[in-house]
PDB file of N, CA and C in Angstrom:
ATOM      1  N   MET A   1      75.047  97.532 127.149  1.00  0.00           N
ATOM      2  CA  MET A   1      74.784  96.693 125.939  1.00  0.00           C
ATOM      3  C   MET A   1      75.845  95.907 125.439  1.00  0.00           C
ATOM      4  N   SER A   2      75.761  94.649 125.341  1.00  0.00           N
ATOM      5  CA  SER A   2      76.946  93.817 124.812  1.00  0.00           C
ATOM      6  C   SER A   2      76.844  93.640 123.364  1.00  0.00           C
ATOM      7  N   SER A   3      78.036  93.532 122.805  1.00  0.00           N
ATOM      8  CA  SER A   3      78.045  93.342 121.345  1.00  0.00           C
ATOM      9  C   SER A   3      78.052  91.885 120.977  1.00  0.00           C
ATOM     10  N   ASN A   4      77.430  91.621 119.820  1.00  0.00           N
ATOM     11  CA  ASN A   4      77.597  90.239 119.453  1.00  0.00           C
ATOM     12  C   ASN A   4      78.877  90.113 118.652  1.00  0.00           C
ATOM     13  N   VAL A   5      79.658  88.918 119.078  1.00  0.00           N
ATOM     14  CA  VAL A   5      80.912  88.695 118.558  1.00  0.00           C
ATOM     15  C   VAL A   5      80.818  88.343 117.077  1.00  0.00           C
ATOM     16  N   PHE A   6      79.644  87.829 116.713  1.00  0.00           N
ATOM     17  CA  PHE A   6      79.531  87.373 115.291  1.00  0.00           C
ATOM     18  C   PHE A   6      79.055  88.459 114.416  1.00  0.00           C
ATOM     19  N   ASP A   7      78.675  89.579 114.900  1.00  0.00           N
ATOM     20  CA  ASP A   7      78.515  90.778 113.984  1.00  0.00           C
ATOM     21  C   ASP A   7      79.775  91.463 113.589  1.00  0.00           C
ATOM     22  N   LEU A   8      80.121  91.222 112.497  1.00  0.00           N
ATOM     23  CA  LEU A   8      81.474  91.707 111.956  1.00  0.00           C
ATOM     24  C   LEU A   8      81.478  93.166 111.413  1.00  0.00           C
ATOM     25  N   LYS A   9      80.309  93.677 111.159  1.00  0.00           N
ATOM     26  CA  LYS A   9      80.258  95.044 110.669  1.00  0.00           C
ATOM     27  C   LYS A   9      80.982  95.989 111.682  1.00  0.00           C
ATOM     28  N   ASP A  10      81.679  96.877 111.072  1.00  0.00           N
ATOM     29  CA  ASP A  10      82.409  97.959 111.875  1.00  0.00           C
ATOM     30  C   ASP A  10      83.540  97.437 112.540  1.00  0.00           C
ATOM     31  N   LYS A  11      83.951  96.259 112.410  1.00  0.00           N
ATOM     32  CA  LYS A  11      85.175  95.653 113.022  1.00  0.00           C
ATOM     33  C   LYS A  11      86.232  95.538 111.989  1.00  0.00           C
ATOM     34  N   GLY A  12      87.416  95.398 112.486  1.00  0.00           N
ATOM     35  CA  GLY A  12      88.623  95.244 111.445  1.00  0.00           C
ATOM     36  C   GLY A  12      89.448  93.993 111.808  1.00  0.00           C
ATOM     37  N   ALA A  13      90.136  93.674 110.806  1.00  0.00           N
ATOM     38  CA  ALA A  13      91.105  92.438 110.977  1.00  0.00           C
ATOM     39  C   ALA A  13      92.383  92.697 110.113  1.00  0.00           C
ATOM     40  N   CYS A  14      93.450  92.204 110.682  1.00  0.00           N
ATOM     41  CA  CYS A  14      94.723  92.248 109.872  1.00  0.00           C
ATOM     42  C   CYS A  14      95.029  90.837 109.669  1.00  0.00           C
ATOM     43  N   VAL A  15      95.209  90.446 108.419  1.00  0.00           N
ATOM     44  CA  VAL A  15      95.573  89.002 108.088  1.00  0.00           C
ATOM     45  C   VAL A  15      97.023  89.213 107.473  1.00  0.00           C
ATOM     46  N   VAL A  16      97.875  88.499 108.234  1.00  0.00           N
ATOM     47  CA  VAL A  16      99.333  88.393 107.845  1.00  0.00           C
ATOM     48  C   VAL A  16      99.600  87.242 106.970  1.00  0.00           C
ATOM     49  N   GLY A  17     100.060  87.473 105.716  1.00  0.00           N
ATOM     50  CA  GLY A  17     100.361  86.410 104.702  1.00  0.00           C
ATOM     51  C   GLY A  17      99.274  86.292 103.727  1.00  0.00           C
ATOM     52  N   ALA A  18      99.621  86.796 102.484  1.00  0.00           N
ATOM     53  CA  ALA A  18      98.635  86.742 101.278  1.00  0.00           C
ATOM     54  C   ALA A  18      98.910  85.623 100.530  1.00  0.00           C
ATOM     55  N   GLY A  19      99.128  84.430 101.137  1.00  0.00           N
ATOM     56  CA  GLY A  19      99.271  83.177 100.302  1.00  0.00           C
ATOM     57  C   GLY A  19      97.865  82.664 100.107  1.00  0.00           C
ATOM     58  N   LEU A  20      97.760  81.433  99.771  1.00  0.00           N
ATOM     59  CA  LEU A  20      96.445  80.859  99.479  1.00  0.00           C
ATOM     60  C   LEU A  20      95.388  80.922 100.610  1.00  0.00           C
ATOM     61  N   ALA A  21      95.801  80.648 101.789  1.00  0.00           N
ATOM     62  CA  ALA A  21      94.880  80.646 102.990  1.00  0.00           C
ATOM     63  C   ALA A  21      94.618  82.132 103.472  1.00  0.00           C
ATOM     64  N   GLY A  22      95.652  82.912 103.589  1.00  0.00           N
ATOM     65  CA  GLY A  22      95.454  84.268 103.886  1.00  0.00           C
ATOM     66  C   GLY A  22      94.624  85.023 102.944  1.00  0.00           C
ATOM     67  N   SER A  23      94.773  84.936 101.701  1.00  0.00           N
ATOM     68  CA  SER A  23      94.029  85.597 100.732  1.00  0.00           C
ATOM     69  C   SER A  23      92.573  85.227 100.742  1.00  0.00           C
ATOM     70  N   LEU A  24      92.329  83.940 100.923  1.00  0.00           N
ATOM     71  CA  LEU A  24      90.981  83.446 101.121  1.00  0.00           C
ATOM     72  C   LEU A  24      90.282  83.951 102.285  1.00  0.00           C
ATOM     73  N   LEU A  25      90.990  83.879 103.475  1.00  0.00           N
ATOM     74  CA  LEU A  25      90.384  84.423 104.640  1.00  0.00           C
ATOM     75  C   LEU A  25      90.107  85.827 104.530  1.00  0.00           C
ATOM     76  N   ALA A  26      90.931  86.654 103.952  1.00  0.00           N
ATOM     77  CA  ALA A  26      90.562  88.120 103.745  1.00  0.00           C
ATOM     78  C   ALA A  26      89.370  88.340 102.894  1.00  0.00           C
ATOM     79  N   ILE A  27      89.208  87.487 101.910  1.00  0.00           N
ATOM     80  CA  ILE A  27      87.993  87.572 101.064  1.00  0.00           C
ATOM     81  C   ILE A  27      86.736  87.232 101.923  1.00  0.00           C
ATOM     82  N   ILE A  28      86.763  86.178 102.544  1.00  0.00           N
ATOM     83  CA  ILE A  28      85.699  85.739 103.358  1.00  0.00           C
ATOM     84  C   ILE A  28      85.360  86.821 104.415  1.00  0.00           C
ATOM     85  N   LEU A  29      86.265  87.320 105.208  1.00  0.00           N
ATOM     86  CA  LEU A  29      86.017  88.284 106.211  1.00  0.00           C
ATOM     87  C   LEU A  29      85.474  89.649 105.635  1.00  0.00           C
ATOM     88  N   ALA A  30      85.964  90.053 104.505  1.00  0.00           N
ATOM     89  CA  ALA A  30      85.578  91.272 103.700  1.00  0.00           C
ATOM     90  C   ALA A  30      84.114  91.216 103.330  1.00  0.00           C
ATOM     91  N   LYS A  31      83.775  90.088 102.776  1.00  0.00           N
ATOM     92  CA  LYS A  31      82.370  89.701 102.362  1.00  0.00           C
ATOM     93  C   LYS A  31      81.357  89.816 103.536  1.00  0.00           C
ATOM     94  N   ARG A  32      81.863  89.483 104.639  1.00  0.00           N
ATOM     95  CA  ARG A  32      81.132  89.514 105.907  1.00  0.00           C
ATOM     96  C   ARG A  32      81.031  90.979 106.584  1.00  0.00           C
ATOM     97  N   GLY A  33      81.636  91.898 105.877  1.00  0.00           N
ATOM     98  CA  GLY A  33      81.519  93.266 106.381  1.00  0.00           C
ATOM     99  C   GLY A  33      82.678  93.886 107.059  1.00  0.00           C
ATOM    100  N   MET A  34      83.760  92.989 107.227  1.00  0.00           N
ATOM    101  CA  MET A  34      84.849  93.539 108.033  1.00  0.00           C
ATOM    102  C   MET A  34      85.713  94.321 107.146  1.00  0.00           C
ATOM    103  N   ASN A  35      86.429  95.353 107.759  1.00  0.00           N
ATOM    104  CA  ASN A  35      87.422  96.080 107.125  1.00  0.00           C
ATOM    105  C   ASN A  35      88.758  95.307 107.331  1.00  0.00           C
ATOM    106  N   VAL A  36      89.298  94.682 106.186  1.00  0.00           N
ATOM    107  CA  VAL A  36      90.505  93.900 106.262  1.00  0.00           C
ATOM    108  C   VAL A  36      91.772  94.551 105.614  1.00  0.00           C
ATOM    109  N   HIS A  37      92.752  94.304 106.487  1.00  0.00           N
ATOM    110  CA  HIS A  37      94.136  94.806 106.014  1.00  0.00           C
ATOM    111  C   HIS A  37      94.927  93.465 105.652  1.00  0.00           C
ATOM    112  N   LEU A  38      95.387  93.247 104.494  1.00  0.00           N
ATOM    113  CA  LEU A  38      96.243  92.088 104.071  1.00  0.00           C
ATOM    114  C   LEU A  38      97.661  92.450 104.006  1.00  0.00           C
ATOM    115  N   ILE A  39      98.600  91.897 104.640  1.00  0.00           N
ATOM    116  CA  ILE A  39      99.990  92.218 104.715  1.00  0.00           C
ATOM    117  C   ILE A  39     100.624  91.067 104.155  1.00  0.00           C
ATOM    118  N   GLU A  40     101.691  91.263 103.281  1.00  0.00           N
ATOM    119  CA  GLU A  40     102.446  90.248 102.714  1.00  0.00           C
ATOM    120  C   GLU A  40     103.994  90.686 102.793  1.00  0.00           C
ATOM    121  N   ARG A  41     104.906  90.021 103.073  1.00  0.00           N
ATOM    122  CA  ARG A  41     106.293  90.623 103.107  1.00  0.00           C
ATOM    123  C   ARG A  41     106.956  90.610 101.702  1.00  0.00           C
ATOM    124  N   ARG A  42     106.556  89.828 100.836  1.00  0.00           N
ATOM    125  CA  ARG A  42     107.135  89.726  99.498  1.00  0.00           C
ATOM    126  C   ARG A  42     106.336  90.791  98.646  1.00  0.00           C
ATOM    127  N   PRO A  43     107.125  91.405  97.768  1.00  0.00           N
ATOM    128  CA  PRO A  43     106.584  92.383  96.812  1.00  0.00           C
ATOM    129  C   PRO A  43     105.681  91.699  95.791  1.00  0.00           C
ATOM    130  N   ASP A  44     104.715  92.492  95.275  1.00  0.00           N
ATOM    131  CA  ASP A  44     103.899  91.997  94.168  1.00  0.00           C
ATOM    132  C   ASP A  44     104.695  91.506  92.972  1.00  0.00           C
ATOM    133  N   MET A  45     104.662  90.256  92.664  1.00  0.00           N
ATOM    134  CA  MET A  45     105.454  89.627  91.668  1.00  0.00           C
ATOM    135  C   MET A  45     105.044  90.157  90.200  1.00  0.00           C
ATOM    136  N   ARG A  46     103.793  90.776  90.210  1.00  0.00           N
ATOM    137  CA  ARG A  46     103.446  91.401  88.868  1.00  0.00           C
ATOM    138  C   ARG A  46     104.042  92.731  88.585  1.00  0.00           C
ATOM    139  N   LYS A  47     104.503  93.391  89.674  1.00  0.00           N
ATOM    140  CA  LYS A  47     104.902  94.783  89.578  1.00  0.00           C
ATOM    141  C   LYS A  47     106.490  94.874  89.807  1.00  0.00           C
ATOM    142  N   GLU A  48     107.069  93.955  90.472  1.00  0.00           N
ATOM    143  CA  GLU A  48     108.512  93.886  90.872  1.00  0.00           C
ATOM    144  C   GLU A  48     109.208  92.843  90.196  1.00  0.00           C
ATOM    145  N   ILE A  49     110.452  93.070  89.918  1.00  0.00           N
ATOM    146  CA  ILE A  49     111.332  92.129  89.460  1.00  0.00           C
ATOM    147  C   ILE A  49     111.976  91.352  90.634  1.00  0.00           C
ATOM    148  N   THR A  50     111.818  90.223  90.672  1.00  0.00           N
ATOM    149  CA  THR A  50     112.409  89.439  91.845  1.00  0.00           C
ATOM    150  C   THR A  50     113.649  88.612  91.390  1.00  0.00           C
ATOM    151  N   ASP A  51     114.548  88.330  92.332  1.00  0.00           N
ATOM    152  CA  ASP A  51     115.710  87.634  91.920  1.00  0.00           C
ATOM    153  C   ASP A  51     115.502  86.114  91.850  1.00  0.00           C
ATOM    154  N   ARG A  52     114.400  85.621  92.314  1.00  0.00           N
ATOM    155  CA  ARG A  52     114.062  84.237  92.441  1.00  0.00           C
ATOM    156  C   ARG A  52     112.739  84.047  91.881  1.00  0.00           C
ATOM    157  N   GLY A  53     112.497  82.990  91.102  1.00  0.00           N
ATOM    158  CA  GLY A  53     111.112  82.723  90.594  1.00  0.00           C
ATOM    159  C   GLY A  53     110.237  82.030  91.484  1.00  0.00           C
ATOM    160  N   ARG A  54     109.034  82.221  91.540  1.00  0.00           N
ATOM    161  CA  ARG A  54     108.082  81.516  92.475  1.00  0.00           C
ATOM    162  C   ARG A  54     106.869  81.199  91.730  1.00  0.00           C
ATOM    163  N   SER A  55     106.640  79.927  91.701  1.00  0.00           N
ATOM    164  CA  SER A  55     105.459  79.456  90.987  1.00  0.00           C
ATOM    165  C   SER A  55     104.467  78.572  91.895  1.00  0.00           C
ATOM    166  N   ILE A  56     103.335  78.636  91.742  1.00  0.00           N
ATOM    167  CA  ILE A  56     102.276  77.812  92.588  1.00  0.00           C
ATOM    168  C   ILE A  56     101.558  76.960  91.575  1.00  0.00           C
ATOM    169  N   ASN A  57     101.726  75.638  91.415  1.00  0.00           N
ATOM    170  CA  ASN A  57     100.980  74.838  90.694  1.00  0.00           C
ATOM    171  C   ASN A  57      99.833  74.241  91.568  1.00  0.00           C
ATOM    172  N   LEU A  58      98.644  74.658  91.343  1.00  0.00           N
ATOM    173  CA  LEU A  58      97.639  74.287  92.297  1.00  0.00           C
ATOM    174  C   LEU A  58      96.691  73.336  91.900  1.00  0.00           C
ATOM    175  N   ALA A  59      96.347  72.360  92.642  1.00  0.00           N
ATOM    176  CA  ALA A  59      95.415  71.303  92.347  1.00  0.00           C
ATOM    177  C   ALA A  59      94.359  71.551  93.446  1.00  0.00           C
ATOM    178  N   LEU A  60      93.186  71.671  93.033  1.00  0.00           N
ATOM    179  CA  LEU A  60      92.009  71.938  94.039  1.00  0.00           C
ATOM    180  C   LEU A  60      91.459  70.589  94.469  1.00  0.00           C
ATOM    181  N   SER A  61      91.557  70.396  95.848  1.00  0.00           N
ATOM    182  CA  SER A  61      90.848  69.185  96.375  1.00  0.00           C
ATOM    183  C   SER A  61      89.429  69.637  96.732  1.00  0.00           C
ATOM    184  N   GLU A  62      88.672  68.547  97.164  1.00  0.00           N
ATOM    185  CA  GLU A  62      87.305  68.952  97.583  1.00  0.00           C
ATOM    186  C   GLU A  62      87.300  69.907  98.773  1.00  0.00           C
ATOM    187  N   ARG A  63      88.212  69.724  99.652  1.00  0.00           N
ATOM    188  CA  ARG A  63      88.257  70.716 100.752  1.00  0.00           C
ATOM    189  C   ARG A  63      88.569  72.151 100.315  1.00  0.00           C
ATOM    190  N   GLY A  64      89.377  72.266  99.259  1.00  0.00           N
ATOM    191  CA  GLY A  64      89.715  73.654  98.726  1.00  0.00           C
ATOM    192  C   GLY A  64      88.464  74.185  97.975  1.00  0.00           C
ATOM    193  N   ILE A  65      87.803  73.348  97.199  1.00  0.00           N
ATOM    194  CA  ILE A  65      86.586  73.688  96.549  1.00  0.00           C
ATOM    195  C   ILE A  65      85.436  74.256  97.469  1.00  0.00           C
ATOM    196  N   ASN A  66      85.362  73.406  98.584  1.00  0.00           N
ATOM    197  CA  ASN A  66      84.311  73.924  99.482  1.00  0.00           C
ATOM    198  C   ASN A  66      84.751  75.172 100.215  1.00  0.00           C
ATOM    199  N   ALA A  67      86.031  75.464 100.449  1.00  0.00           N
ATOM    200  CA  ALA A  67      86.396  76.731 101.008  1.00  0.00           C
ATOM    201  C   ALA A  67      86.157  77.866 100.059  1.00  0.00           C
ATOM    202  N   LEU A  68      86.379  77.631  98.735  1.00  0.00           N
ATOM    203  CA  LEU A  68      86.069  78.644  97.707  1.00  0.00           C
ATOM    204  C   LEU A  68      84.585  78.875  97.484  1.00  0.00           C
ATOM    205  N   LYS A  69      83.732  77.800  97.788  1.00  0.00           N
ATOM    206  CA  LYS A  69      82.360  78.056  97.671  1.00  0.00           C
ATOM    207  C   LYS A  69      81.787  78.874  98.865  1.00  0.00           C
ATOM    208  N   ARG A  70      82.482  78.800 100.016  1.00  0.00           N
ATOM    209  CA  ARG A  70      82.061  79.622 101.209  1.00  0.00           C
ATOM    210  C   ARG A  70      82.406  81.068 100.904  1.00  0.00           C
ATOM    211  N   SER A  71      83.392  81.352 100.034  1.00  0.00           N
ATOM    212  CA  SER A  71      83.829  82.753  99.799  1.00  0.00           C
ATOM    213  C   SER A  71      83.089  83.346  98.579  1.00  0.00           C
ATOM    214  N   ASP A  72      82.155  82.545  97.921  1.00  0.00           N
ATOM    215  CA  ASP A  72      81.419  83.039  96.819  1.00  0.00           C
ATOM    216  C   ASP A  72      82.151  83.467  95.515  1.00  0.00           C
ATOM    217  N   ILE A  73      83.411  82.763  95.419  1.00  0.00           N
ATOM    218  CA  ILE A  73      84.244  83.168  94.313  1.00  0.00           C
ATOM    219  C   ILE A  73      84.391  81.748  93.439  1.00  0.00           C
ATOM    220  N   ILE A  74      83.691  80.749  93.790  1.00  0.00           N
ATOM    221  CA  ILE A  74      84.128  79.446  93.046  1.00  0.00           C
ATOM    222  C   ILE A  74      83.848  79.548  91.620  1.00  0.00           C
ATOM    223  N   GLU A  75      82.768  80.190  91.313  1.00  0.00           N
ATOM    224  CA  GLU A  75      82.390  80.337  89.743  1.00  0.00           C
ATOM    225  C   GLU A  75      83.478  81.089  89.070  1.00  0.00           C
ATOM    226  N   LYS A  76      84.139  82.103  89.593  1.00  0.00           N
ATOM    227  CA  LYS A  76      85.171  82.740  88.919  1.00  0.00           C
ATOM    228  C   LYS A  76      86.431  81.745  88.784  1.00  0.00           C
ATOM    229  N   ILE A  77      86.767  81.024  89.853  1.00  0.00           N
ATOM    230  CA  ILE A  77      87.930  80.155  89.854  1.00  0.00           C
ATOM    231  C   ILE A  77      87.704  79.013  88.882  1.00  0.00           C
ATOM    232  N   MET A  78      86.512  78.416  88.946  1.00  0.00           N
ATOM    233  CA  MET A  78      86.222  77.150  88.125  1.00  0.00           C
ATOM    234  C   MET A  78      86.163  77.496  86.636  1.00  0.00           C
ATOM    235  N   GLY A  79      85.939  78.900  86.289  1.00  0.00           N
ATOM    236  CA  GLY A  79      85.808  79.261  85.042  1.00  0.00           C
ATOM    237  C   GLY A  79      87.154  79.435  84.340  1.00  0.00           C
ATOM    238  N   ILE A  80      88.254  79.551  85.120  1.00  0.00           N
ATOM    239  CA  ILE A  80      89.579  79.454  84.456  1.00  0.00           C
ATOM    240  C   ILE A  80      90.439  78.282  84.868  1.00  0.00           C
ATOM    241  N   ALA A  81      89.749  77.282  85.587  1.00  0.00           N
ATOM    242  CA  ALA A  81      90.444  76.041  86.029  1.00  0.00           C
ATOM    243  C   ALA A  81      90.575  75.068  84.874  1.00  0.00           C
ATOM    244  N   ILE A  82      91.479  74.271  84.900  1.00  0.00           N
ATOM    245  CA  ILE A  82      91.829  73.108  83.998  1.00  0.00           C
ATOM    246  C   ILE A  82      91.445  71.934  84.714  1.00  0.00           C
ATOM    247  N   PRO A  83      90.558  71.065  84.315  1.00  0.00           N
ATOM    248  CA  PRO A  83      90.251  69.815  84.936  1.00  0.00           C
ATOM    249  C   PRO A  83      91.386  68.947  85.062  1.00  0.00           C
ATOM    250  N   MET A  84      91.556  68.237  86.136  1.00  0.00           N
ATOM    251  CA  MET A  84      92.557  67.247  86.289  1.00  0.00           C
ATOM    252  C   MET A  84      92.128  65.912  86.198  1.00  0.00           C
ATOM    253  N   LYS A  85      92.621  65.247  85.229  1.00  0.00           N
ATOM    254  CA  LYS A  85      92.021  63.847  84.982  1.00  0.00           C
ATOM    255  C   LYS A  85      92.485  62.781  85.916  1.00  0.00           C
ATOM    256  N   GLY A  86      93.593  63.004  86.509  1.00  0.00           N
ATOM    257  CA  GLY A  86      94.232  62.186  87.435  1.00  0.00           C
ATOM    258  C   GLY A  86      95.295  62.696  88.218  1.00  0.00           C
ATOM    259  N   ARG A  87      96.058  61.944  88.899  1.00  0.00           N
ATOM    260  CA  ARG A  87      97.194  62.482  89.716  1.00  0.00           C
ATOM    261  C   ARG A  87      98.317  61.500  89.731  1.00  0.00           C
ATOM    262  N   MET A  88      99.603  62.108  89.685  1.00  0.00           N
ATOM    263  CA  MET A  88     100.721  61.225  89.665  1.00  0.00           C
ATOM    264  C   MET A  88     101.445  61.537  90.858  1.00  0.00           C
ATOM    265  N   VAL A  89     101.983  60.407  91.453  1.00  0.00           N
ATOM    266  CA  VAL A  89     102.769  60.389  92.675  1.00  0.00           C
ATOM    267  C   VAL A  89     104.089  59.915  92.219  1.00  0.00           C
ATOM    268  N   HIS A  90     105.149  60.736  92.719  1.00  0.00           N
ATOM    269  CA  HIS A  90     106.588  60.466  92.282  1.00  0.00           C
ATOM    270  C   HIS A  90     107.201  59.806  93.529  1.00  0.00           C
ATOM    271  N   PRO A  91     107.322  58.463  93.629  1.00  0.00           N
ATOM    272  CA  PRO A  91     107.896  57.837  94.818  1.00  0.00           C
ATOM    273  C   PRO A  91     109.540  58.044  94.751  1.00  0.00           C
ATOM    274  N   LEU A  92     110.067  57.603  95.757  1.00  0.00           N
ATOM    275  CA  LEU A  92     111.515  57.683  95.909  1.00  0.00           C
ATOM    276  C   LEU A  92     112.303  56.845  94.791  1.00  0.00           C
ATOM    277  N   GLY A  93     111.722  55.608  94.322  1.00  0.00           N
ATOM    278  CA  GLY A  93     112.318  54.977  93.195  1.00  0.00           C
ATOM    279  C   GLY A  93     112.031  55.529  91.753  1.00  0.00           C
ATOM    280  N   ASN A  94     112.119  54.619  90.800  1.00  0.00           N
ATOM    281  CA  ASN A  94     111.944  55.042  89.435  1.00  0.00           C
ATOM    282  C   ASN A  94     110.421  54.785  89.048  1.00  0.00           C
ATOM    283  N   ILE A  95     109.649  54.143  89.869  1.00  0.00           N
ATOM    284  CA  ILE A  95     108.205  53.655  89.449  1.00  0.00           C
ATOM    285  C   ILE A  95     107.415  55.000  89.709  1.00  0.00           C
ATOM    286  N   LYS A  96     106.520  55.078  88.739  1.00  0.00           N
ATOM    287  CA  LYS A  96     105.523  56.244  88.844  1.00  0.00           C
ATOM    288  C   LYS A  96     104.136  55.530  89.079  1.00  0.00           C
ATOM    289  N   MET A  97     103.395  56.040  89.970  1.00  0.00           N
ATOM    290  CA  MET A  97     102.040  55.489  90.195  1.00  0.00           C
ATOM    291  C   MET A  97     101.060  56.516  89.613  1.00  0.00           C
ATOM    292  N   ILE A  98     100.121  56.120  88.845  1.00  0.00           N
ATOM    293  CA  ILE A  98      99.085  57.010  88.233  1.00  0.00           C
ATOM    294  C   ILE A  98      97.788  56.578  88.770  1.00  0.00           C
ATOM    295  N   PHE A  99      97.023  57.513  89.269  1.00  0.00           N
ATOM    296  CA  PHE A  99      95.725  57.356  89.880  1.00  0.00           C
ATOM    297  C   PHE A  99      94.681  58.036  88.813  1.00  0.00           C
ATOM    298  N   ASN A 100      93.827  57.270  88.282  1.00  0.00           N
ATOM    299  CA  ASN A 100      92.808  57.965  87.435  1.00  0.00           C
ATOM    300  C   ASN A 100      91.512  57.846  88.193  1.00  0.00           C
ATOM    301  N   TYR A 101      90.740  58.884  87.913  1.00  0.00           N
ATOM    302  CA  TYR A 101      89.491  59.025  88.674  1.00  0.00           C
ATOM    303  C   TYR A 101      88.441  58.497  87.708  1.00  0.00           C
TER     304      TYR A 101
END
């Protein structure tokens, strides 16, 4: 009897890197029934004092929104998101370009 490679129940996965993509992949696999182990080399910044600050300013593109829709957590994310009215690009010179949507 051959197993279906798309049947993820009773299968496990190890995702290395708990950044944006790794965390999202772990959520998607877990929602499909996989036992997921998520590994990150950095300590949890909420629990540990680190010597360097790390901040992620995140702008969601249509591609990112579609990925969050696939993980079924888009409502939770959009509930705390702040709408972005435009985008600013800082070129090498002193001129700033503003793109309004």
